[in-house]
Amino acid sequence: MRADSLVYPHDELRPDGQSRQHFGLSVRDYIAIQAMQGFLSADRFAGSRADLAYNAYFIADAMIAESQREAV
């Protein structure tokens, strides 16, 4: 998995017949969002909003790095 891979890209067909592409979220952002939801649902996170965001992206970066390691 790569950090710049996309989650949920899709094409939208508008009523006027024009097509518009939505690129979705990056894998890094998607994982960070999921981590942030976990932190918030635990109702024990006492840090600032900046700490919350930092920790969510720390988790995302760790997951991406681990997925790129070769299986032993």
PDB file of N, CA and C in Angstrom:
ATOM      1  N   MET A   1       0.853  -1.165   0.000  1.00  0.00           N
ATOM      2  CA  MET A   1       0.000   0.000   0.000  1.00  0.00           C
ATOM      3  C   MET A   1       0.900   1.230   0.000  1.00  0.00           C
ATOM      4  N   ARG A   2       0.522   2.202  -0.768  1.00  0.00           N
ATOM      5  CA  ARG A   2       1.274   3.459  -0.836  1.00  0.00           C
ATOM      6  C   ARG A   2       0.451   4.574  -0.207  1.00  0.00           C
ATOM      7  N   ALA A   3       1.138   5.526   0.406  1.00  0.00           N
ATOM      8  CA  ALA A   3       0.460   6.637   1.076  1.00  0.00           C
ATOM      9  C   ALA A   3      -0.360   7.473   0.103  1.00  0.00           C
ATOM     10  N   ASP A   4       0.063   7.523  -1.162  1.00  0.00           N
ATOM     11  CA  ASP A   4      -0.657   8.349  -2.132  1.00  0.00           C
ATOM     12  C   ASP A   4      -1.688   7.563  -2.941  1.00  0.00           C
ATOM     13  N   SER A   5      -1.894   6.280  -2.596  1.00  0.00           N
ATOM     14  CA  SER A   5      -2.964   5.522  -3.232  1.00  0.00           C
ATOM     15  C   SER A   5      -4.293   6.156  -2.840  1.00  0.00           C
ATOM     16  N   LEU A   6      -5.305   5.944  -3.661  1.00  0.00           N
ATOM     17  CA  LEU A   6      -6.600   6.593  -3.415  1.00  0.00           C
ATOM     18  C   LEU A   6      -7.628   5.603  -2.898  1.00  0.00           C
ATOM     19  N   VAL A   7      -8.503   6.091  -2.031  1.00  0.00           N
ATOM     20  CA  VAL A   7      -9.611   5.318  -1.488  1.00  0.00           C
ATOM     21  C   VAL A   7     -10.888   5.926  -2.030  1.00  0.00           C
ATOM     22  N   TYR A   8     -11.751   5.117  -2.603  1.00  0.00           N
ATOM     23  CA  TYR A   8     -13.060   5.522  -3.125  1.00  0.00           C
ATOM     24  C   TYR A   8     -13.024   6.509  -4.301  1.00  0.00           C
ATOM     25  N   PRO A   9     -12.101   6.379  -5.249  1.00  0.00           N
ATOM     26  CA  PRO A   9     -12.218   7.248  -6.425  1.00  0.00           C
ATOM     27  C   PRO A   9     -13.421   6.811  -7.254  1.00  0.00           C
ATOM     28  N   HIS A  10     -14.074   7.742  -7.901  1.00  0.00           N
ATOM     29  CA  HIS A  10     -15.225   7.378  -8.730  1.00  0.00           C
ATOM     30  C   HIS A  10     -15.525   8.507  -9.718  1.00  0.00           C
ATOM     31  N   ASP A  11     -16.266   8.146 -10.746  1.00  0.00           N
ATOM     32  CA  ASP A  11     -16.747   9.127 -11.712  1.00  0.00           C
ATOM     33  C   ASP A  11     -18.208   9.442 -11.401  1.00  0.00           C
ATOM     34  N   GLU A  12     -18.544  10.694 -11.490  1.00  0.00           N
ATOM     35  CA  GLU A  12     -19.917  11.138 -11.252  1.00  0.00           C
ATOM     36  C   GLU A  12     -20.511  11.570 -12.589  1.00  0.00           C
ATOM     37  N   LEU A  13     -21.656  11.031 -12.927  1.00  0.00           N
ATOM     38  CA  LEU A  13     -22.362  11.468 -14.121  1.00  0.00           C
ATOM     39  C   LEU A  13     -23.407  12.473 -13.684  1.00  0.00           C
ATOM     40  N   ARG A  14     -23.211  13.712 -14.067  1.00  0.00           N
ATOM     41  CA  ARG A  14     -24.109  14.789 -13.658  1.00  0.00           C
ATOM     42  C   ARG A  14     -25.362  14.775 -14.521  1.00  0.00           C
ATOM     43  N   PRO A  15     -26.442  15.400 -14.046  1.00  0.00           N
ATOM     44  CA  PRO A  15     -27.710  15.417 -14.802  1.00  0.00           C
ATOM     45  C   PRO A  15     -27.565  16.025 -16.195  1.00  0.00           C
ATOM     46  N   ASP A  16     -26.586  16.918 -16.394  1.00  0.00           N
ATOM     47  CA  ASP A  16     -26.406  17.532 -17.717  1.00  0.00           C
ATOM     48  C   ASP A  16     -25.595  16.646 -18.665  1.00  0.00           C
ATOM     49  N   GLY A  17     -25.279  15.413 -18.206  1.00  0.00           N
ATOM     50  CA  GLY A  17     -24.558  14.471 -19.051  1.00  0.00           C
ATOM     51  C   GLY A  17     -23.045  14.573 -18.949  1.00  0.00           C
ATOM     52  N   GLN A  18     -22.554  15.587 -18.276  1.00  0.00           N
ATOM     53  CA  GLN A  18     -21.109  15.745 -18.099  1.00  0.00           C
ATOM     54  C   GLN A  18     -20.618  14.777 -17.024  1.00  0.00           C
ATOM     55  N   SER A  19     -19.403  14.305 -17.196  1.00  0.00           N
ATOM     56  CA  SER A  19     -18.796  13.413 -16.218  1.00  0.00           C
ATOM     57  C   SER A  19     -17.752  14.192 -15.426  1.00  0.00           C
ATOM     58  N   ARG A  20     -17.697  13.912 -14.144  1.00  0.00           N
ATOM     59  CA  ARG A  20     -16.727  14.582 -13.291  1.00  0.00           C
ATOM     60  C   ARG A  20     -16.071  13.523 -12.420  1.00  0.00           C
ATOM     61  N   GLN A  21     -14.751  13.534 -12.363  1.00  0.00           N
ATOM     62  CA  GLN A  21     -14.043  12.534 -11.575  1.00  0.00           C
ATOM     63  C   GLN A  21     -13.742  13.061 -10.175  1.00  0.00           C
ATOM     64  N   HIS A  22     -14.059  12.235  -9.196  1.00  0.00           N
ATOM     65  CA  HIS A  22     -13.712  12.521  -7.811  1.00  0.00           C
ATOM     66  C   HIS A  22     -12.547  11.603  -7.454  1.00  0.00           C
ATOM     67  N   PHE A  23     -11.511  12.158  -6.902  1.00  0.00           N
ATOM     68  CA  PHE A  23     -10.318  11.363  -6.648  1.00  0.00           C
ATOM     69  C   PHE A  23     -10.333  10.665  -5.290  1.00  0.00           C
ATOM     70  N   GLY A  24     -11.288  10.950  -4.452  1.00  0.00           N
ATOM     71  CA  GLY A  24     -11.382  10.271  -3.174  1.00  0.00           C
ATOM     72  C   GLY A  24     -10.365  10.784  -2.178  1.00  0.00           C
ATOM     73  N   LEU A  25     -10.050   9.970  -1.218  1.00  0.00           N
ATOM     74  CA  LEU A  25      -9.090  10.293  -0.164  1.00  0.00           C
ATOM     75  C   LEU A  25      -7.800   9.536  -0.403  1.00  0.00           C
ATOM     76  N   SER A  26      -6.703  10.061   0.127  1.00  0.00           N
ATOM     77  CA  SER A  26      -5.473   9.278   0.101  1.00  0.00           C
ATOM     78  C   SER A  26      -5.598   8.183   1.162  1.00  0.00           C
ATOM     79  N   VAL A  27      -4.868   7.099   0.982  1.00  0.00           N
ATOM     80  CA  VAL A  27      -4.865   6.024   1.962  1.00  0.00           C
ATOM     81  C   VAL A  27      -4.406   6.564   3.314  1.00  0.00           C
ATOM     82  N   ARG A  28      -3.420   7.446   3.311  1.00  0.00           N
ATOM     83  CA  ARG A  28      -2.905   8.024   4.555  1.00  0.00           C
ATOM     84  C   ARG A  28      -4.011   8.788   5.290  1.00  0.00           C
ATOM     85  N   ASP A  29      -4.760   9.611   4.561  1.00  0.00           N
ATOM     86  CA  ASP A  29      -5.855  10.349   5.189  1.00  0.00           C
ATOM     87  C   ASP A  29      -6.944   9.400   5.701  1.00  0.00           C
ATOM     88  N   TYR A  30      -7.264   8.387   4.924  1.00  0.00           N
ATOM     89  CA  TYR A  30      -8.309   7.444   5.315  1.00  0.00           C
ATOM     90  C   TYR A  30      -7.947   6.737   6.616  1.00  0.00           C
ATOM     91  N   ILE A  31      -6.704   6.245   6.711  1.00  0.00           N
ATOM     92  CA  ILE A  31      -6.275   5.558   7.930  1.00  0.00           C
ATOM     93  C   ILE A  31      -6.262   6.530   9.107  1.00  0.00           C
ATOM     94  N   ALA A  32      -5.793   7.751   8.883  1.00  0.00           N
ATOM     95  CA  ALA A  32      -5.762   8.747   9.961  1.00  0.00           C
ATOM     96  C   ALA A  32      -7.169   9.054  10.461  1.00  0.00           C
ATOM     97  N   ILE A  33      -8.132   9.132   9.561  1.00  0.00           N
ATOM     98  CA  ILE A  33      -9.521   9.375   9.959  1.00  0.00           C
ATOM     99  C   ILE A  33     -10.022   8.235  10.840  1.00  0.00           C
ATOM    100  N   GLN A  34      -9.726   7.010  10.443  1.00  0.00           N
ATOM    101  CA  GLN A  34     -10.164   5.861  11.232  1.00  0.00           C
ATOM    102  C   GLN A  34      -9.502   5.854  12.607  1.00  0.00           C
ATOM    103  N   ALA A  35      -8.202   6.164  12.659  1.00  0.00           N
ATOM    104  CA  ALA A  35      -7.496   6.229  13.937  1.00  0.00           C
ATOM    105  C   ALA A  35      -8.089   7.321  14.821  1.00  0.00           C
ATOM    106  N   MET A  36      -8.384   8.472  14.235  1.00  0.00           N
ATOM    107  CA  MET A  36      -8.949   9.584  14.996  1.00  0.00           C
ATOM    108  C   MET A  36     -10.307   9.194  15.580  1.00  0.00           C
ATOM    109  N   GLN A  37     -11.115   8.498  14.804  1.00  0.00           N
ATOM    110  CA  GLN A  37     -12.416   8.050  15.304  1.00  0.00           C
ATOM    111  C   GLN A  37     -12.237   7.106  16.488  1.00  0.00           C
ATOM    112  N   GLY A  38     -11.229   6.251  16.408  1.00  0.00           N
ATOM    113  CA  GLY A  38     -10.957   5.346  17.523  1.00  0.00           C
ATOM    114  C   GLY A  38     -10.544   6.107  18.767  1.00  0.00           C
ATOM    115  N   PHE A  39      -9.663   7.081  18.614  1.00  0.00           N
ATOM    116  CA  PHE A  39      -9.242   7.892  19.759  1.00  0.00           C
ATOM    117  C   PHE A  39     -10.441   8.592  20.390  1.00  0.00           C
ATOM    118  N   LEU A  40     -11.282   9.181  19.562  1.00  0.00           N
ATOM    119  CA  LEU A  40     -12.417   9.947  20.080  1.00  0.00           C
ATOM    120  C   LEU A  40     -13.478   9.051  20.712  1.00  0.00           C
ATOM    121  N   SER A  41     -13.661   7.863  20.178  1.00  0.00           N
ATOM    122  CA  SER A  41     -14.674   6.967  20.743  1.00  0.00           C
ATOM    123  C   SER A  41     -14.238   6.409  22.092  1.00  0.00           C
ATOM    124  N   ALA A  42     -12.938   6.371  22.347  1.00  0.00           N
ATOM    125  CA  ALA A  42     -12.439   5.892  23.639  1.00  0.00           C
ATOM    126  C   ALA A  42     -12.733   6.899  24.741  1.00  0.00           C
ATOM    127  N   ASP A  43     -12.992   8.149  24.374  1.00  0.00           N
ATOM    128  CA  ASP A  43     -13.351   9.206  25.311  1.00  0.00           C
ATOM    129  C   ASP A  43     -12.310   9.396  26.410  1.00  0.00           C
ATOM    130  N   ARG A  44     -11.058   9.086  26.091  1.00  0.00           N
ATOM    131  CA  ARG A  44      -9.987   9.254  27.064  1.00  0.00           C
ATOM    132  C   ARG A  44      -8.853  10.104  26.530  1.00  0.00           C
ATOM    133  N   PHE A  45      -8.987  10.610  25.326  1.00  0.00           N
ATOM    134  CA  PHE A  45      -7.903  11.383  24.737  1.00  0.00           C
ATOM    135  C   PHE A  45      -7.910  12.766  25.367  1.00  0.00           C
ATOM    136  N   ALA A  46      -6.841  13.096  26.086  1.00  0.00           N
ATOM    137  CA  ALA A  46      -6.798  14.349  26.838  1.00  0.00           C
ATOM    138  C   ALA A  46      -5.946  15.418  26.162  1.00  0.00           C
ATOM    139  N   GLY A  47      -5.382  15.120  25.005  1.00  0.00           N
ATOM    140  CA  GLY A  47      -4.517  16.084  24.336  1.00  0.00           C
ATOM    141  C   GLY A  47      -5.295  17.142  23.587  1.00  0.00           C
ATOM    142  N   SER A  48      -4.545  18.019  22.951  1.00  0.00           N
ATOM    143  CA  SER A  48      -5.152  19.071  22.131  1.00  0.00           C
ATOM    144  C   SER A  48      -5.594  18.496  20.790  1.00  0.00           C
ATOM    145  N   ARG A  49      -6.294  19.308  20.021  1.00  0.00           N
ATOM    146  CA  ARG A  49      -6.692  18.874  18.671  1.00  0.00           C
ATOM    147  C   ARG A  49      -5.466  18.606  17.816  1.00  0.00           C
ATOM    148  N   ALA A  50      -4.414  19.415  17.992  1.00  0.00           N
ATOM    149  CA  ALA A  50      -3.175  19.197  17.237  1.00  0.00           C
ATOM    150  C   ALA A  50      -2.549  17.857  17.625  1.00  0.00           C
ATOM    151  N   ASP A  51      -2.589  17.514  18.915  1.00  0.00           N
ATOM    152  CA  ASP A  51      -2.069  16.216  19.372  1.00  0.00           C
ATOM    153  C   ASP A  51      -2.869  15.070  18.768  1.00  0.00           C
ATOM    154  N   LEU A  52      -4.170  15.243  18.716  1.00  0.00           N
ATOM    155  CA  LEU A  52      -5.046  14.224  18.149  1.00  0.00           C
ATOM    156  C   LEU A  52      -4.697  13.981  16.684  1.00  0.00           C
ATOM    157  N   ALA A  53      -4.559  15.052  15.920  1.00  0.00           N
ATOM    158  CA  ALA A  53      -4.211  14.926  14.498  1.00  0.00           C
ATOM    159  C   ALA A  53      -2.826  14.313  14.328  1.00  0.00           C
ATOM    160  N   TYR A  54      -1.872  14.763  15.125  1.00  0.00           N
ATOM    161  CA  TYR A  54      -0.506  14.220  15.036  1.00  0.00           C
ATOM    162  C   TYR A  54      -0.518  12.710  15.284  1.00  0.00           C
ATOM    163  N   ASN A  55      -1.197  12.290  16.341  1.00  0.00           N
ATOM    164  CA  ASN A  55      -1.235  10.866  16.676  1.00  0.00           C
ATOM    165  C   ASN A  55      -1.966  10.045  15.622  1.00  0.00           C
ATOM    166  N   ALA A  56      -3.013  10.593  15.051  1.00  0.00           N
ATOM    167  CA  ALA A  56      -3.742   9.874  14.000  1.00  0.00           C
ATOM    168  C   ALA A  56      -2.847   9.646  12.783  1.00  0.00           C
ATOM    169  N   TYR A  57      -2.099  10.668  12.379  1.00  0.00           N
ATOM    170  CA  TYR A  57      -1.198  10.503  11.231  1.00  0.00           C
ATOM    171  C   TYR A  57       0.014   9.649  11.589  1.00  0.00           C
ATOM    172  N   PHE A  58       0.425   9.665  12.852  1.00  0.00           N
ATOM    173  CA  PHE A  58       1.507   8.785  13.294  1.00  0.00           C
ATOM    174  C   PHE A  58       1.094   7.330  13.100  1.00  0.00           C
ATOM    175  N   ILE A  59      -0.138   7.008  13.494  1.00  0.00           N
ATOM    176  CA  ILE A  59      -0.667   5.655  13.303  1.00  0.00           C
ATOM    177  C   ILE A  59      -0.741   5.316  11.817  1.00  0.00           C
ATOM    178  N   ALA A  60      -1.247   6.240  11.017  1.00  0.00           N
ATOM    179  CA  ALA A  60      -1.370   6.004   9.571  1.00  0.00           C
ATOM    180  C   ALA A  60      -0.003   5.738   8.947  1.00  0.00           C
ATOM    181  N   ASP A  61       0.973   6.556   9.294  1.00  0.00           N
ATOM    182  CA  ASP A  61       2.318   6.372   8.733  1.00  0.00           C
ATOM    183  C   ASP A  61       2.924   5.038   9.161  1.00  0.00           C
ATOM    184  N   ALA A  62       2.688   4.637  10.407  1.00  0.00           N
ATOM    185  CA  ALA A  62       3.200   3.355  10.890  1.00  0.00           C
ATOM    186  C   ALA A  62       2.544   2.194  10.151  1.00  0.00           C
ATOM    187  N   MET A  63       1.240   2.280   9.908  1.00  0.00           N
ATOM    188  CA  MET A  63       0.552   1.209   9.192  1.00  0.00           C
ATOM    189  C   MET A  63       1.032   1.097   7.754  1.00  0.00           C
ATOM    190  N   ILE A  64       1.241   2.237   7.115  1.00  0.00           N
ATOM    191  CA  ILE A  64       1.722   2.221   5.729  1.00  0.00           C
ATOM    192  C   ILE A  64       3.134   1.652   5.670  1.00  0.00           C
ATOM    193  N   ALA A  65       3.991   2.078   6.596  1.00  0.00           N
ATOM    194  CA  ALA A  65       5.368   1.562   6.630  1.00  0.00           C
ATOM    195  C   ALA A  65       5.376   0.054   6.862  1.00  0.00           C
ATOM    196  N   GLU A  66       4.540  -0.406   7.766  1.00  0.00           N
ATOM    197  CA  GLU A  66       4.487  -1.843   8.049  1.00  0.00           C
ATOM    198  C   GLU A  66       3.977  -2.617   6.841  1.00  0.00           C
ATOM    199  N   SER A  67       3.037  -2.063   6.109  1.00  0.00           N
ATOM    200  CA  SER A  67       2.511  -2.775   4.936  1.00  0.00           C
ATOM    201  C   SER A  67       3.543  -2.868   3.813  1.00  0.00           C
ATOM    202  N   GLN A  68       4.548  -2.002   3.837  1.00  0.00           N
ATOM    203  CA  GLN A  68       5.564  -2.013   2.794  1.00  0.00           C
ATOM    204  C   GLN A  68       6.752  -2.922   3.129  1.00  0.00           C
ATOM    205  N   ARG A  69       6.809  -3.394   4.374  1.00  0.00           N
ATOM    206  CA  ARG A  69       7.875  -4.323   4.746  1.00  0.00           C
ATOM    207  C   ARG A  69       7.642  -5.663   4.070  1.00  0.00           C
ATOM    208  N   GLU A  70       8.726  -6.338   3.760  1.00  0.00           N
ATOM    209  CA  GLU A  70       8.587  -7.666   3.158  1.00  0.00           C
ATOM    210  C   GLU A  70       8.176  -8.650   4.218  1.00  0.00           C
ATOM    211  N   ALA A  71       7.319  -9.588   3.827  1.00  0.00           N
ATOM    212  CA  ALA A  71       6.898 -10.632   4.765  1.00  0.00           C
ATOM    213  C   ALA A  71       8.089 -11.514   5.094  1.00  0.00           C
ATOM    214  N   VAL A  72       8.192 -11.884   6.342  1.00  0.00           N
ATOM    215  CA  VAL A  72       9.309 -12.721   6.799  1.00  0.00           C
ATOM    216  C   VAL A  72       8.907 -14.161   6.791  1.00  0.00           C
TER     217      VAL A  72
END
